[in-house]
Structures are given as C-alpha cells and as structure tokens.
Amino acid sequence: MAPEKNILPAAAAGNAPAGSRKSKAGVVSCAIHGLLTGGRAGAKLARIKDEADFDQRVLQADRPVLVVFYKGGCPTCLLLHPALSQLAGQYQGRVLFARFEIMKPYFVVTSREVKKRYHVAFYPTVILFVNGQEKDRWVLGYNLAAYRKALDEVAGPPAQETPAADDGPAAKP
C-alpha cells in the first residue's frame, strides 16, 4: 500500500511530503496547538455526549454526518480535529461534523454499544453516515483529499469563495 500524501492540512504541513522534516514540524505544531487549546481545536465539531445523543444526531439526521471517534488524551486524534473543523466550515449546513469521545483516558469506554456496533478499535476512526448508514470509514486517516472526495459525493463540492473585487483607488476626474 502506498503511503498517503498530504497527511495534514496544507497550512500545517506546508504541502510537504509525508516523512519530510517540514511535515514533521507540522505534526509537532498541530500537536502542541491541540494540547495548548485543551482539544478545543475541533470547536466546529458537534460534541456527541452519549449513545442516545449519537442515535438522535447521527442515525436520525436529515443530512450526511461525519463522526470522528476518538480517545481522550490521544495526541494523534488531536491532530485531526483542526483539519475536520476546516472541512466543517467548507461544508457548513450540508454535512454535520461531530466528535464522539468513545474512550476516556485510562481506557474507560463511554459507550460499549456504539464501540461494538461500529467496530471502533483504533483512534481516531472517522465514519461518514448517510441516512443513518455507514458509507465510508477511515482508520488513522489524515488524508483530507479522501474526506473531501467522499463528502463531495454525498453533498457536492463546497462553494468556491470569491475574493472581493478591488477596483483600486478611485479615479480622479
């Protein structure tokens, strides 16, 4: 299997190839940012509290839902939250992005039923649900292009931002 390219968001990795010195610096900076913000880097990701909340927000949703299942205190999980928050902004209103702390630090499982039902064994595990059914899954996946491809299939590509027109200084008569 070929290694994934662009394993981090472009801003974090500087589009450096995986394994390069620049890519490693991006990983470290993302980890530090995640730790310093107390994991709030994923603020655009709705927090799923428990199994009932999962059933309501994900399985009964009227739009696609991308859920990241993570373990509290997991540094590699923290790396993914800022990237998913960025995607959440791009697909806002068309896809719900959520996070579910399926395991607390010290290996306390928060929802055995959901963990078992979706065979979540590694963190982070990201699952895209459409009409309450699993459509795609990424385990330890940091390739944003793969997420975008799947999201484009179910919700269409994000609208392109158009920069404001700058006519320059006003013309003098």
Protein backbone atom coordinates (compact mmCIF):
# COMPACT_ATOMS: atom_id res chain seq x y z
CA MET A 1 0.00 0.00 0.00
CA ALA A 2 1.42 3.39 -0.97
CA PRO A 3 1.81 5.94 1.81
CA GLU A 4 -0.80 8.66 1.95
CA LYS A 5 0.24 12.04 0.63
CA ASN A 6 -0.57 15.33 2.31
CA ILE A 7 -1.39 13.72 5.64
CA LEU A 8 -2.01 17.05 7.31
CA PRO A 9 -3.88 20.16 6.28
CA ALA A 10 -1.90 22.25 3.84
CA ALA A 11 -1.47 25.03 6.38
CA ALA A 12 0.04 22.64 8.93
CA ALA A 13 2.25 20.63 6.64
CA GLY A 14 3.04 23.29 4.10
CA ASN A 15 2.20 20.70 1.42
CA ALA A 16 5.38 18.87 2.39
CA PRO A 17 5.66 15.18 1.51
CA ALA A 18 4.98 12.76 4.33
CA GLY A 19 8.12 12.00 6.29
CA SER A 20 9.89 15.22 5.36
CA ARG A 21 11.36 17.49 8.01
CA LYS A 22 8.75 20.16 7.19
CA SER A 23 5.91 17.62 7.54
CA LYS A 24 7.23 16.50 10.94
CA ALA A 25 7.36 20.12 12.07
CA GLY A 26 3.70 20.46 11.02
CA VAL A 27 2.75 17.40 13.07
CA VAL A 28 4.53 18.76 16.12
CA SER A 29 2.99 22.22 15.75
CA CYS A 30 -0.51 20.72 15.38
CA ALA A 31 0.02 18.55 18.45
CA ILE A 32 1.24 21.49 20.51
CA HIS A 33 -1.68 23.64 19.31
CA GLY A 34 -4.14 20.90 20.20
CA LEU A 35 -2.65 20.42 23.64
CA LEU A 36 -2.50 24.15 24.38
CA THR A 37 -6.12 24.67 23.37
CA GLY A 38 -7.22 21.77 25.53
CA GLY A 39 -8.59 19.95 22.49
CA ARG A 40 -10.81 22.92 21.55
CA ALA A 41 -9.22 22.95 18.10
CA GLY A 42 -12.25 20.92 16.99
CA ALA A 43 -14.72 23.57 18.13
CA LYS A 44 -16.75 23.33 14.89
CA LEU A 45 -17.34 19.64 15.57
CA ALA A 46 -20.58 18.96 17.44
CA ARG A 47 -19.91 17.00 20.62
CA ILE A 48 -21.85 13.76 20.97
CA LYS A 49 -22.41 13.09 24.66
CA ASP A 50 -23.71 9.52 24.80
CA GLU A 51 -25.44 6.72 22.91
CA ALA A 52 -28.86 8.40 22.88
CA ASP A 53 -27.32 11.62 21.57
CA PHE A 54 -25.47 9.58 18.90
CA ASP A 55 -28.70 7.90 17.77
CA GLN A 56 -30.52 11.23 17.54
CA ARG A 57 -27.77 13.34 15.90
CA VAL A 58 -26.28 10.70 13.59
CA LEU A 59 -28.72 7.90 12.85
CA GLN A 60 -31.78 10.17 12.58
CA ALA A 61 -30.03 13.06 10.81
CA ASP A 62 -31.56 14.60 7.71
CA ARG A 63 -28.12 15.18 6.17
CA PRO A 64 -24.80 13.32 5.99
CA VAL A 65 -22.84 13.17 9.25
CA LEU A 66 -19.07 12.76 9.57
CA VAL A 67 -18.18 11.45 13.03
CA VAL A 68 -14.68 11.21 14.47
CA PHE A 69 -14.49 8.59 17.23
CA TYR A 70 -11.56 9.42 19.47
CA LYS A 71 -9.87 8.58 22.74
CA GLY A 72 -9.44 11.36 25.28
CA GLY A 73 -5.84 12.44 25.56
CA CYS A 74 -4.92 10.84 22.22
CA PRO A 75 -2.33 13.13 20.56
CA THR A 76 -2.92 11.74 17.06
CA CYS A 77 -6.64 12.36 17.47
CA LEU A 78 -5.93 15.99 18.33
CA LEU A 79 -4.10 16.35 15.02
CA LEU A 80 -7.27 15.57 13.10
CA HIS A 81 -9.67 17.96 14.86
CA PRO A 82 -8.38 21.23 13.31
CA ALA A 83 -8.48 19.70 9.81
CA LEU A 84 -12.04 18.48 10.30
CA SER A 85 -13.04 21.88 11.69
CA GLN A 86 -11.72 23.42 8.49
CA LEU A 87 -13.81 21.00 6.42
CA ALA A 88 -16.84 21.68 8.63
CA GLY A 89 -16.63 25.33 7.66
CA GLN A 90 -16.49 24.44 3.96
CA TYR A 91 -19.49 22.06 4.10
CA GLN A 92 -21.47 24.07 6.66
CA GLY A 93 -25.20 23.44 6.50
CA ARG A 94 -24.84 20.42 4.20
CA VAL A 95 -22.87 17.98 6.38
CA LEU A 96 -22.84 17.71 10.16
CA PHE A 97 -19.38 17.19 11.63
CA ALA A 98 -19.32 15.58 15.06
CA ARG A 99 -16.90 14.10 17.57
CA PHE A 100 -17.56 11.28 19.99
CA GLU A 101 -15.12 10.54 22.80
CA ILE A 102 -15.71 6.80 22.71
CA MET A 103 -12.90 6.12 25.19
CA LYS A 104 -11.68 8.26 28.06
CA PRO A 105 -8.04 8.37 29.11
CA TYR A 106 -7.10 5.28 31.11
CA PHE A 107 -9.23 3.11 28.77
CA VAL A 108 -12.70 3.79 30.16
CA VAL A 109 -15.21 3.14 27.35
CA THR A 110 -18.02 5.72 27.22
CA SER A 111 -20.39 3.68 25.04
CA ARG A 112 -19.74 -0.03 24.72
CA GLU A 113 -22.74 -0.46 22.41
CA VAL A 114 -21.63 2.12 19.84
CA LYS A 115 -18.00 0.97 20.04
CA LYS A 116 -19.08 -2.63 19.41
CA ARG A 117 -21.72 -1.80 16.76
CA TYR A 118 -19.22 0.11 14.60
CA HIS A 119 -16.12 -1.95 15.45
CA VAL A 120 -14.13 1.05 16.67
CA ALA A 121 -10.76 -0.32 17.77
CA PHE A 122 -8.25 2.35 16.71
CA TYR A 123 -8.25 6.09 17.29
CA PRO A 124 -9.10 8.23 15.50
CA THR A 125 -11.71 6.36 13.47
CA VAL A 126 -13.82 8.57 11.20
CA ILE A 127 -17.10 7.32 9.75
CA LEU A 128 -19.33 9.08 7.23
CA PHE A 129 -23.01 8.27 7.78
CA VAL A 130 -25.68 8.87 5.15
CA ASN A 131 -29.33 8.22 6.08
CA GLY A 132 -28.13 6.56 9.29
CA GLN A 133 -25.96 4.04 7.43
CA GLU A 134 -22.17 3.86 7.27
CA LYS A 135 -20.98 4.96 3.83
CA ASP A 136 -17.21 5.42 4.31
CA ARG A 137 -14.64 4.79 7.02
CA TRP A 138 -11.11 5.98 7.71
CA VAL A 139 -8.97 4.45 10.43
CA LEU A 140 -5.96 6.52 11.44
CA GLY A 141 -6.63 8.50 8.25
CA TYR A 142 -5.25 12.02 7.91
CA ASN A 143 -5.68 12.48 4.15
CA LEU A 144 -8.04 15.42 3.71
CA ALA A 145 -8.38 14.73 -0.02
CA ALA A 146 -10.01 11.38 0.82
CA TYR A 147 -12.51 13.10 3.13
CA ARG A 148 -13.26 15.77 0.51
CA LYS A 149 -13.83 13.17 -2.20
CA ALA A 150 -16.37 11.28 -0.08
CA LEU A 151 -18.08 14.49 1.09
CA ASP A 152 -18.31 15.80 -2.48
CA GLU A 153 -20.06 12.56 -3.49
CA VAL A 154 -22.78 12.94 -0.87
CA ALA A 155 -23.10 16.73 -0.54
CA GLY A 156 -21.49 18.23 -3.63
CA PRO A 157 -18.30 20.28 -3.65
CA PRO A 158 -18.05 23.31 -1.38
CA ALA A 159 -18.84 26.66 -2.92
CA GLN A 160 -15.75 28.48 -4.11
CA GLU A 161 -15.01 31.62 -2.18
CA THR A 162 -14.72 34.63 -4.44
CA PRO A 163 -12.42 37.42 -3.33
CA ALA A 164 -13.91 40.89 -3.10
CA ALA A 165 -13.30 42.96 -6.18
CA ASP A 166 -10.69 45.64 -5.69
CA ASP A 167 -11.07 48.43 -8.17
CA GLY A 168 -8.06 50.20 -6.76
CA PRO A 169 -8.02 53.87 -5.87
CA ALA A 170 -10.89 55.97 -7.07
CA ALA A 171 -10.25 57.61 -10.41
CA LYS A 172 -9.83 61.37 -10.35
CA PRO A 173 -11.80 63.45 -12.87
